Amino acid sequence: MTRKVIDEAEVVRMYQSGISGAVVAAQLGCPLTRFWGILRDPQKNPLGIRHFASQQTQFKPKLGETEAKIAITFYAEGQGMEAIGRQLNCGREAVRTALEKAGMSIKPQGPRFRDVSAEDGKTMSELWAAGMSQVAIAKNMSMSQVVVSRILRQFGYSKENRRTCGDANAMWKGGLIKTDQGYISVLVPPAHPFASMRTRMGYVSEHRLVMAEKLGRPLLPHETVHHINGIRDDNRPENLELWHTKHTKGVRGEAPHCPTCTCNR
């Protein structure tokens, strides 16, 4: 296959006159890689490529007919508007204008946002209002923290208004949440006498809090509270007993208390 004959002197002359490289290459049928190779060759272009680049005019506000056709071709091949603009010595807006004038469909810029249903958005807001972190919500809902942050902003939630939630928050549920295991947790303020029992999110399991109030002291980390009837959200004082170790699950029945049970009933 024979290589196409290119008038290299004409390439240099046209580029020196201020015509952009893409237009010169298109008019002479010269591939861009070969075009730049000619300009970089000191024998064919003794003044150097930088000299000619400095002679080019400033970015054009709009493209001519020939340049517009080249922009359309490049865009159809998958090149971005900024890359096309660099080759045609113009800004991306000039490229966009030429493409829109030709009726080209403009591709959306940047990453496409993940679609989230209104139900998922409501769930995120409830978890956020309950005190769960964005990272934990993202892990729970199998998505990125960035998506969670965006959806919360759409629902009007932010780090700032989270600090002033409570009964002024539309998602406020009295400071009570129910865990997946069936236990009730209570939001406890930092000034509470049993605040040392709080989790990182500021919650205390209600059955532990009820027992602590009954004893008049915070529970120790190794102490556990057993639901006598096995119902985890039945936190009446008479349904709770304090153990010094882990207790068995479910109903204890009429079996004798183990030596670690303090029988606080």
C-alpha atoms as a PDB file:
ATOM      1  CA  MET A   1       0.000   0.000   0.000  1.00  0.00           C
ATOM      2  CA  THR A   2       1.548   3.277  -1.142  1.00  0.00           C
ATOM      3  CA  ARG A   3       1.725   6.217   1.237  1.00  0.00           C
ATOM      4  CA  LYS A   4      -0.328   9.237   0.202  1.00  0.00           C
ATOM      5  CA  VAL A   5       1.751  12.116  -1.146  1.00  0.00           C
ATOM      6  CA  ILE A   6       1.417  15.202   1.034  1.00  0.00           C
ATOM      7  CA  ASP A   7       2.665  18.651   0.061  1.00  0.00           C
ATOM      8  CA  GLU A   8       4.711  19.193   3.213  1.00  0.00           C
ATOM      9  CA  ALA A   9       5.676  22.749   2.260  1.00  0.00           C
ATOM     10  CA  GLU A  10       1.966  23.602   1.928  1.00  0.00           C
ATOM     11  CA  VAL A  11       1.327  22.084   5.376  1.00  0.00           C
ATOM     12  CA  VAL A  12       3.919  24.413   6.900  1.00  0.00           C
ATOM     13  CA  ARG A  13       2.700  27.460   4.923  1.00  0.00           C
ATOM     14  CA  MET A  14      -0.976  26.996   5.868  1.00  0.00           C
ATOM     15  CA  TYR A  15      -0.185  26.453   9.515  1.00  0.00           C
ATOM     16  CA  GLN A  16       2.099  29.500   9.506  1.00  0.00           C
ATOM     17  CA  SER A  17      -0.753  31.604   8.149  1.00  0.00           C
ATOM     18  CA  GLY A  18      -2.773  30.897  11.292  1.00  0.00           C
ATOM     19  CA  ILE A  19      -5.034  28.064  10.118  1.00  0.00           C
ATOM     20  CA  SER A  20      -5.580  25.459  12.841  1.00  0.00           C
ATOM     21  CA  GLY A  21      -3.894  22.086  12.538  1.00  0.00           C
ATOM     22  CA  ALA A  22      -7.138  20.136  12.243  1.00  0.00           C
ATOM     23  CA  VAL A  23      -8.309  22.276   9.305  1.00  0.00           C
ATOM     24  CA  VAL A  24      -4.966  22.030   7.524  1.00  0.00           C
ATOM     25  CA  ALA A  25      -4.904  18.258   7.958  1.00  0.00           C
ATOM     26  CA  ALA A  26      -8.505  17.895   6.762  1.00  0.00           C
ATOM     27  CA  GLN A  27      -8.061  20.077   3.672  1.00  0.00           C
ATOM     28  CA  LEU A  28      -4.845  18.355   2.608  1.00  0.00           C
ATOM     29  CA  GLY A  29      -6.009  14.848   3.536  1.00  0.00           C
ATOM     30  CA  CYS A  30      -3.159  14.494   5.996  1.00  0.00           C
ATOM     31  CA  PRO A  31      -3.529  12.434   9.202  1.00  0.00           C
ATOM     32  CA  LEU A  32      -2.987  14.557  12.309  1.00  0.00           C
ATOM     33  CA  THR A  33      -0.100  12.393  13.518  1.00  0.00           C
ATOM     34  CA  ARG A  34       1.717  12.926  10.225  1.00  0.00           C
ATOM     35  CA  PHE A  35       0.802  16.628  10.240  1.00  0.00           C
ATOM     36  CA  TRP A  36       2.463  17.191  13.623  1.00  0.00           C
ATOM     37  CA  GLY A  37       5.434  15.069  12.534  1.00  0.00           C
ATOM     38  CA  ILE A  38       6.029  17.447   9.619  1.00  0.00           C
ATOM     39  CA  LEU A  39       5.948  20.492  11.888  1.00  0.00           C
ATOM     40  CA  ARG A  40       8.339  18.894  14.378  1.00  0.00           C
ATOM     41  CA  ASP A  41      10.902  18.005  11.668  1.00  0.00           C
ATOM     42  CA  PRO A  42      13.584  20.770  11.748  1.00  0.00           C
ATOM     43  CA  GLN A  43      14.472  20.163   8.093  1.00  0.00           C
ATOM     44  CA  LYS A  44      10.908  20.657   6.881  1.00  0.00           C
ATOM     45  CA  ASN A  45      10.088  23.350   9.407  1.00  0.00           C
ATOM     46  CA  PRO A  46      13.321  25.139  10.354  1.00  0.00           C
ATOM     47  CA  LEU A  47      11.478  27.765  12.430  1.00  0.00           C
ATOM     48  CA  GLY A  48      10.018  25.125  14.743  1.00  0.00           C
ATOM     49  CA  ILE A  49       6.460  24.280  15.695  1.00  0.00           C
ATOM     50  CA  ARG A  50       6.382  26.716  18.615  1.00  0.00           C
ATOM     51  CA  HIS A  51       6.912  29.641  16.314  1.00  0.00           C
ATOM     52  CA  PHE A  52       3.824  28.798  14.313  1.00  0.00           C
ATOM     53  CA  ALA A  53       1.753  28.024  17.393  1.00  0.00           C
ATOM     54  CA  SER A  54       2.500  31.483  18.752  1.00  0.00           C
ATOM     55  CA  GLN A  55       1.308  33.039  15.489  1.00  0.00           C
ATOM     56  CA  GLN A  56      -2.153  31.545  15.779  1.00  0.00           C
ATOM     57  CA  THR A  57      -5.038  33.829  16.542  1.00  0.00           C
ATOM     58  CA  GLN A  58      -6.856  33.688  19.887  1.00  0.00           C
ATOM     59  CA  PHE A  59      -9.700  31.237  20.389  1.00  0.00           C
ATOM     60  CA  LYS A  60     -12.369  31.755  17.776  1.00  0.00           C
ATOM     61  CA  PRO A  61     -15.820  32.705  19.076  1.00  0.00           C
ATOM     62  CA  LYS A  62     -17.406  30.493  16.397  1.00  0.00           C
ATOM     63  CA  LEU A  63     -16.387  28.006  13.742  1.00  0.00           C
ATOM     64  CA  GLY A  64     -16.450  28.453  10.009  1.00  0.00           C
ATOM     65  CA  GLU A  65     -18.272  26.081   7.689  1.00  0.00           C
ATOM     66  CA  THR A  66     -15.249  23.842   7.072  1.00  0.00           C
ATOM     67  CA  GLU A  67     -14.273  23.754  10.735  1.00  0.00           C
ATOM     68  CA  ALA A  68     -17.871  23.003  11.764  1.00  0.00           C
ATOM     69  CA  LYS A  69     -17.926  19.966   9.451  1.00  0.00           C
ATOM     70  CA  ILE A  70     -14.658  18.767  10.986  1.00  0.00           C
ATOM     71  CA  ALA A  71     -16.049  19.266  14.497  1.00  0.00           C
ATOM     72  CA  ILE A  72     -19.146  17.225  13.603  1.00  0.00           C
ATOM     73  CA  THR A  73     -16.987  14.423  12.193  1.00  0.00           C
ATOM     74  CA  PHE A  74     -14.715  14.339  15.238  1.00  0.00           C
ATOM     75  CA  TYR A  75     -17.672  14.401  17.639  1.00  0.00           C
ATOM     76  CA  ALA A  76     -19.408  11.565  15.776  1.00  0.00           C
ATOM     77  CA  GLU A  77     -16.177   9.568  16.135  1.00  0.00           C
ATOM     78  CA  GLY A  78     -16.365   9.951  19.901  1.00  0.00           C
ATOM     79  CA  GLN A  79     -14.054  12.871  20.640  1.00  0.00           C
ATOM     80  CA  GLY A  80     -15.032  15.299  23.388  1.00  0.00           C
ATOM     81  CA  MET A  81     -15.810  18.960  22.772  1.00  0.00           C
ATOM     82  CA  GLU A  82     -12.737  20.149  24.657  1.00  0.00           C
ATOM     83  CA  ALA A  83     -10.445  17.907  22.619  1.00  0.00           C
ATOM     84  CA  ILE A  84     -12.078  19.122  19.405  1.00  0.00           C
ATOM     85  CA  GLY A  85     -11.706  22.725  20.545  1.00  0.00           C
ATOM     86  CA  ARG A  86      -7.972  22.283  21.101  1.00  0.00           C
ATOM     87  CA  GLN A  87      -7.546  20.960  17.592  1.00  0.00           C
ATOM     88  CA  LEU A  88      -9.651  23.719  16.024  1.00  0.00           C
ATOM     89  CA  ASN A  89      -8.200  26.499  18.198  1.00  0.00           C
ATOM     90  CA  CYS A  90     -11.542  27.382  19.785  1.00  0.00           C
ATOM     91  CA  GLY A  91     -13.437  26.942  23.035  1.00  0.00           C
ATOM     92  CA  ARG A  92     -15.846  24.123  23.764  1.00  0.00           C
ATOM     93  CA  GLU A  93     -18.814  26.527  23.524  1.00  0.00           C
ATOM     94  CA  ALA A  94     -17.933  27.266  19.887  1.00  0.00           C
ATOM     95  CA  VAL A  95     -17.872  23.516  19.247  1.00  0.00           C
ATOM     96  CA  ARG A  96     -21.200  23.050  21.055  1.00  0.00           C
ATOM     97  CA  THR A  97     -22.787  25.860  19.042  1.00  0.00           C
ATOM     98  CA  ALA A  98     -21.656  24.255  15.774  1.00  0.00           C
ATOM     99  CA  LEU A  99     -22.959  20.845  16.846  1.00  0.00           C
ATOM    100  CA  GLU A 100     -26.336  22.206  17.973  1.00  0.00           C
ATOM    101  CA  LYS A 101     -26.690  24.209  14.765  1.00  0.00           C
ATOM    102  CA  ALA A 102     -26.135  21.003  12.801  1.00  0.00           C
ATOM    103  CA  GLY A 103     -28.808  19.238  14.866  1.00  0.00           C
ATOM    104  CA  MET A 104     -26.365  16.922  16.634  1.00  0.00           C
ATOM    105  CA  SER A 105     -27.529  15.265  19.847  1.00  0.00           C
ATOM    106  CA  ILE A 106     -25.259  16.459  22.660  1.00  0.00           C
ATOM    107  CA  LYS A 107     -24.128  13.752  25.064  1.00  0.00           C
ATOM    108  CA  PRO A 108     -24.582  14.509  28.794  1.00  0.00           C
ATOM    109  CA  GLN A 109     -21.383  15.690  30.451  1.00  0.00           C
ATOM    110  CA  GLY A 110     -19.925  14.121  33.589  1.00  0.00           C
ATOM    111  CA  PRO A 111     -20.929  10.895  35.359  1.00  0.00           C
ATOM    112  CA  ARG A 112     -24.578   9.857  35.221  1.00  0.00           C
ATOM    113  CA  PHE A 113     -26.310   9.953  38.569  1.00  0.00           C
ATOM    114  CA  ARG A 114     -27.680   6.688  39.850  1.00  0.00           C
ATOM    115  CA  ASP A 115     -31.484   6.630  39.844  1.00  0.00           C
ATOM    116  CA  VAL A 116     -32.923   6.199  43.339  1.00  0.00           C
ATOM    117  CA  SER A 117     -36.615   5.575  44.000  1.00  0.00           C
ATOM    118  CA  ALA A 118     -38.680   7.819  46.266  1.00  0.00           C
ATOM    119  CA  GLU A 119     -39.039   4.881  48.669  1.00  0.00           C
ATOM    120  CA  ASP A 120     -35.250   4.483  48.923  1.00  0.00           C
ATOM    121  CA  GLY A 121     -34.920   8.221  49.471  1.00  0.00           C
ATOM    122  CA  LYS A 122     -37.458   8.073  52.307  1.00  0.00           C
ATOM    123  CA  THR A 123     -35.597   5.161  53.894  1.00  0.00           C
ATOM    124  CA  MET A 124     -32.305   7.050  53.722  1.00  0.00           C
ATOM    125  CA  SER A 125     -33.878  10.096  55.358  1.00  0.00           C
ATOM    126  CA  GLU A 126     -35.330   7.987  58.182  1.00  0.00           C
ATOM    127  CA  LEU A 127     -31.989   6.310  58.854  1.00  0.00           C
ATOM    128  CA  TRP A 128     -30.182   9.663  58.748  1.00  0.00           C
ATOM    129  CA  ALA A 129     -32.695  11.258  61.133  1.00  0.00           C
ATOM    130  CA  ALA A 130     -32.293   8.261  63.447  1.00  0.00           C
ATOM    131  CA  GLY A 131     -28.571   8.974  63.701  1.00  0.00           C
ATOM    132  CA  MET A 132     -27.009   6.518  61.230  1.00  0.00           C
ATOM    133  CA  SER A 133     -23.943   7.788  59.358  1.00  0.00           C
ATOM    134  CA  GLN A 134     -23.907   8.205  55.575  1.00  0.00           C
ATOM    135  CA  VAL A 135     -21.236   5.492  55.281  1.00  0.00           C
ATOM    136  CA  ALA A 136     -23.413   3.058  57.250  1.00  0.00           C
ATOM    137  CA  ILE A 137     -26.478   3.967  55.168  1.00  0.00           C
ATOM    138  CA  ALA A 138     -24.496   3.436  51.960  1.00  0.00           C
ATOM    139  CA  LYS A 139     -23.334   0.014  53.134  1.00  0.00           C
ATOM    140  CA  ASN A 140     -26.848  -0.923  54.223  1.00  0.00           C
ATOM    141  CA  MET A 141     -28.352   0.070  50.863  1.00  0.00           C
ATOM    142  CA  SER A 142     -25.504  -1.182  48.626  1.00  0.00           C
ATOM    143  CA  MET A 143     -24.544   2.170  47.142  1.00  0.00           C
ATOM    144  CA  SER A 144     -21.795   4.750  47.495  1.00  0.00           C
ATOM    145  CA  GLN A 145     -21.656   7.421  50.193  1.00  0.00           C
ATOM    146  CA  VAL A 146     -21.641  10.060  47.426  1.00  0.00           C
ATOM    147  CA  VAL A 147     -25.067   8.899  46.212  1.00  0.00           C
ATOM    148  CA  VAL A 148     -26.427   8.885  49.776  1.00  0.00           C
ATOM    149  CA  SER A 149     -25.144  12.425  50.361  1.00  0.00           C
ATOM    150  CA  ARG A 150     -26.780  13.656  47.134  1.00  0.00           C
ATOM    151  CA  ILE A 151     -30.155  12.084  47.953  1.00  0.00           C
ATOM    152  CA  LEU A 152     -30.135  13.475  51.503  1.00  0.00           C
ATOM    153  CA  ARG A 153     -29.488  16.957  50.128  1.00  0.00           C
ATOM    154  CA  GLN A 154     -32.467  16.531  47.798  1.00  0.00           C
ATOM    155  CA  PHE A 155     -34.619  15.719  50.841  1.00  0.00           C
ATOM    156  CA  GLY A 156     -33.312  18.803  52.653  1.00  0.00           C
ATOM    157  CA  TYR A 157     -30.951  17.018  55.035  1.00  0.00           C
ATOM    158  CA  SER A 158     -27.369  18.119  55.698  1.00  0.00           C
ATOM    159  CA  LYS A 159     -24.741  17.921  58.416  1.00  0.00           C
ATOM    160  CA  GLU A 160     -25.875  21.329  59.614  1.00  0.00           C
ATOM    161  CA  ASN A 161     -29.599  20.668  60.027  1.00  0.00           C
ATOM    162  CA  ARG A 162     -28.920  17.245  61.511  1.00  0.00           C
ATOM    163  CA  ARG A 163     -27.505  18.957  64.584  1.00  0.00           C
ATOM    164  CA  THR A 164     -30.791  20.764  65.073  1.00  0.00           C
ATOM    165  CA  CYS A 165     -33.100  17.818  64.524  1.00  0.00           C
ATOM    166  CA  GLY A 166     -35.318  16.440  67.278  1.00  0.00           C
ATOM    167  CA  ASP A 167     -39.006  17.332  67.436  1.00  0.00           C
ATOM    168  CA  ALA A 168     -38.392  20.110  64.853  1.00  0.00           C
ATOM    169  CA  ASN A 169     -37.437  17.447  62.319  1.00  0.00           C
ATOM    170  CA  ALA A 170     -40.194  16.014  60.106  1.00  0.00           C
ATOM    171  CA  MET A 171     -38.700  12.526  60.553  1.00  0.00           C
ATOM    172  CA  TRP A 172     -38.569  12.747  64.377  1.00  0.00           C
ATOM    173  CA  LYS A 173     -40.061   9.698  66.104  1.00  0.00           C
ATOM    174  CA  GLY A 174     -39.628  10.698  69.716  1.00  0.00           C
ATOM    175  CA  GLY A 175     -36.020   9.504  69.890  1.00  0.00           C
ATOM    176  CA  LEU A 176     -36.990   5.809  69.681  1.00  0.00           C
ATOM    177  CA  ILE A 177     -35.821   3.330  67.057  1.00  0.00           C
ATOM    178  CA  LYS A 178     -36.304  -0.408  66.695  1.00  0.00           C
ATOM    179  CA  THR A 179     -33.324  -2.510  65.673  1.00  0.00           C
ATOM    180  CA  ASP A 180     -33.383  -5.430  63.253  1.00  0.00           C
ATOM    181  CA  GLN A 181     -33.038  -7.753  66.283  1.00  0.00           C
ATOM    182  CA  GLY A 182     -36.256  -6.386  67.784  1.00  0.00           C
ATOM    183  CA  TYR A 183     -34.801  -4.263  70.572  1.00  0.00           C
ATOM    184  CA  ILE A 184     -35.849  -0.671  71.289  1.00  0.00           C
ATOM    185  CA  SER A 185     -33.149   2.016  71.495  1.00  0.00           C
ATOM    186  CA  VAL A 186     -33.584   5.431  73.106  1.00  0.00           C
ATOM    187  CA  LEU A 187     -31.771   8.630  72.144  1.00  0.00           C
ATOM    188  CA  VAL A 188     -30.029   9.878  75.301  1.00  0.00           C
ATOM    189  CA  PRO A 189     -28.661  13.437  75.558  1.00  0.00           C
ATOM    190  CA  PRO A 190     -25.011  13.988  76.586  1.00  0.00           C
ATOM    191  CA  ALA A 191     -26.088  15.538  79.917  1.00  0.00           C
ATOM    192  CA  HIS A 192     -28.091  12.450  80.927  1.00  0.00           C
ATOM    193  CA  PRO A 193     -26.848  10.785  84.152  1.00  0.00           C
ATOM    194  CA  PHE A 194     -26.431   7.508  82.247  1.00  0.00           C
ATOM    195  CA  ALA A 195     -24.819   9.051  79.153  1.00  0.00           C
ATOM    196  CA  SER A 196     -21.785   6.797  79.674  1.00  0.00           C
ATOM    197  CA  MET A 197     -23.915   3.932  78.300  1.00  0.00           C
ATOM    198  CA  ARG A 198     -24.553   5.679  74.967  1.00  0.00           C
ATOM    199  CA  THR A 199     -23.374   4.310  71.641  1.00  0.00           C
ATOM    200  CA  ARG A 200     -21.402   6.447  69.201  1.00  0.00           C
ATOM    201  CA  MET A 201     -24.757   7.595  67.737  1.00  0.00           C
ATOM    202  CA  GLY A 202     -26.071   8.632  71.160  1.00  0.00           C
ATOM    203  CA  TYR A 203     -28.483   5.717  71.721  1.00  0.00           C
ATOM    204  CA  VAL A 204     -28.956   3.318  74.649  1.00  0.00           C
ATOM    205  CA  SER A 205     -30.937   0.065  74.490  1.00  0.00           C
ATOM    206  CA  GLU A 206     -34.175   0.745  76.342  1.00  0.00           C
ATOM    207  CA  HIS A 207     -34.035  -2.448  78.438  1.00  0.00           C
ATOM    208  CA  ARG A 208     -30.579  -1.501  79.688  1.00  0.00           C
ATOM    209  CA  LEU A 209     -31.712   2.046  80.407  1.00  0.00           C
ATOM    210  CA  VAL A 210     -34.764   0.825  82.369  1.00  0.00           C
ATOM    211  CA  MET A 211     -32.552  -1.462  84.455  1.00  0.00           C
ATOM    212  CA  ALA A 212     -30.027   1.337  85.055  1.00  0.00           C
ATOM    213  CA  GLU A 213     -32.796   3.643  86.269  1.00  0.00           C
ATOM    214  CA  LYS A 214     -34.080   0.881  88.553  1.00  0.00           C
ATOM    215  CA  LEU A 215     -30.610   0.374  90.072  1.00  0.00           C
ATOM    216  CA  GLY A 216     -29.816   4.071  90.134  1.00  0.00           C
ATOM    217  CA  ARG A 217     -26.474   3.617  88.364  1.00  0.00           C
ATOM    218  CA  PRO A 218     -25.100   3.005  84.849  1.00  0.00           C
ATOM    219  CA  LEU A 219     -24.694  -0.635  83.887  1.00  0.00           C
ATOM    220  CA  LEU A 220     -21.194  -2.024  83.528  1.00  0.00           C
ATOM    221  CA  PRO A 221     -20.057  -3.301  80.099  1.00  0.00           C
ATOM    222  CA  HIS A 222     -20.082  -6.971  81.230  1.00  0.00           C
ATOM    223  CA  GLU A 223     -23.638  -6.769  82.652  1.00  0.00           C
ATOM    224  CA  THR A 224     -26.543  -7.901  80.473  1.00  0.00           C
ATOM    225  CA  VAL A 225     -30.309  -7.581  80.831  1.00  0.00           C
ATOM    226  CA  HIS A 226     -32.585 -10.545  80.103  1.00  0.00           C
ATOM    227  CA  HIS A 227     -36.221 -10.338  78.969  1.00  0.00           C
ATOM    228  CA  ILE A 228     -37.997 -12.921  81.113  1.00  0.00           C
ATOM    229  CA  ASN A 229     -40.840 -13.584  78.666  1.00  0.00           C
ATOM    230  CA  GLY A 230     -38.508 -13.532  75.662  1.00  0.00           C
ATOM    231  CA  ILE A 231     -40.211 -10.501  74.068  1.00  0.00           C
ATOM    232  CA  ARG A 232     -37.401  -8.091  73.253  1.00  0.00           C
ATOM    233  CA  ASP A 233     -39.477  -4.925  73.117  1.00  0.00           C
ATOM    234  CA  ASP A 234     -41.329  -5.618  76.390  1.00  0.00           C
ATOM    235  CA  ASN A 235     -39.197  -3.401  78.612  1.00  0.00           C
ATOM    236  CA  ARG A 236     -41.390  -3.269  81.715  1.00  0.00           C
ATOM    237  CA  PRO A 237     -39.190  -3.372  84.832  1.00  0.00           C
ATOM    238  CA  GLU A 238     -40.923  -6.551  86.063  1.00  0.00           C
ATOM    239  CA  ASN A 239     -39.994  -8.316  82.790  1.00  0.00           C
ATOM    240  CA  LEU A 240     -36.269  -7.624  83.169  1.00  0.00           C
ATOM    241  CA  GLU A 241     -33.517  -9.206  85.217  1.00  0.00           C
ATOM    242  CA  LEU A 242     -29.837  -8.322  85.458  1.00  0.00           C
ATOM    243  CA  TRP A 243     -27.104 -10.848  84.666  1.00  0.00           C
ATOM    244  CA  HIS A 244     -23.381 -10.499  85.244  1.00  0.00           C
ATOM    245  CA  THR A 245     -22.578 -12.525  82.097  1.00  0.00           C
ATOM    246  CA  LYS A 246     -24.227 -13.322  78.802  1.00  0.00           C
ATOM    247  CA  HIS A 247     -27.609 -14.949  79.243  1.00  0.00           C
ATOM    248  CA  THR A 248     -29.440 -17.583  77.220  1.00  0.00           C
ATOM    249  CA  LYS A 249     -31.862 -16.558  74.503  1.00  0.00           C
ATOM    250  CA  GLY A 250     -35.627 -16.832  74.767  1.00  0.00           C
ATOM    251  CA  VAL A 251     -37.754 -17.620  77.805  1.00  0.00           C
ATOM    252  CA  ARG A 252     -35.900 -18.842  80.902  1.00  0.00           C
ATOM    253  CA  GLY A 253     -39.032 -20.454  82.329  1.00  0.00           C
ATOM    254  CA  GLU A 254     -39.163 -21.766  85.877  1.00  0.00           C
ATOM    255  CA  ALA A 255     -35.599 -23.067  85.925  1.00  0.00           C
ATOM    256  CA  PRO A 256     -33.516 -21.844  88.886  1.00  0.00           C
ATOM    257  CA  HIS A 257     -31.502 -18.708  88.371  1.00  0.00           C
ATOM    258  CA  CYS A 258     -27.872 -19.260  87.507  1.00  0.00           C
ATOM    259  CA  PRO A 259     -25.279 -18.031  90.049  1.00  0.00           C
ATOM    260  CA  THR A 260     -24.628 -14.912  87.968  1.00  0.00           C
ATOM    261  CA  CYS A 261     -28.246 -13.687  88.085  1.00  0.00           C
ATOM    262  CA  THR A 262     -28.875 -10.910  90.586  1.00  0.00           C
ATOM    263  CA  CYS A 263     -32.659 -11.371  90.438  1.00  0.00           C
ATOM    264  CA  ASN A 264     -33.408  -7.688  90.001  1.00  0.00           C
ATOM    265  CA  ARG A 265     -37.113  -8.225  89.289  1.00  0.00           C
END
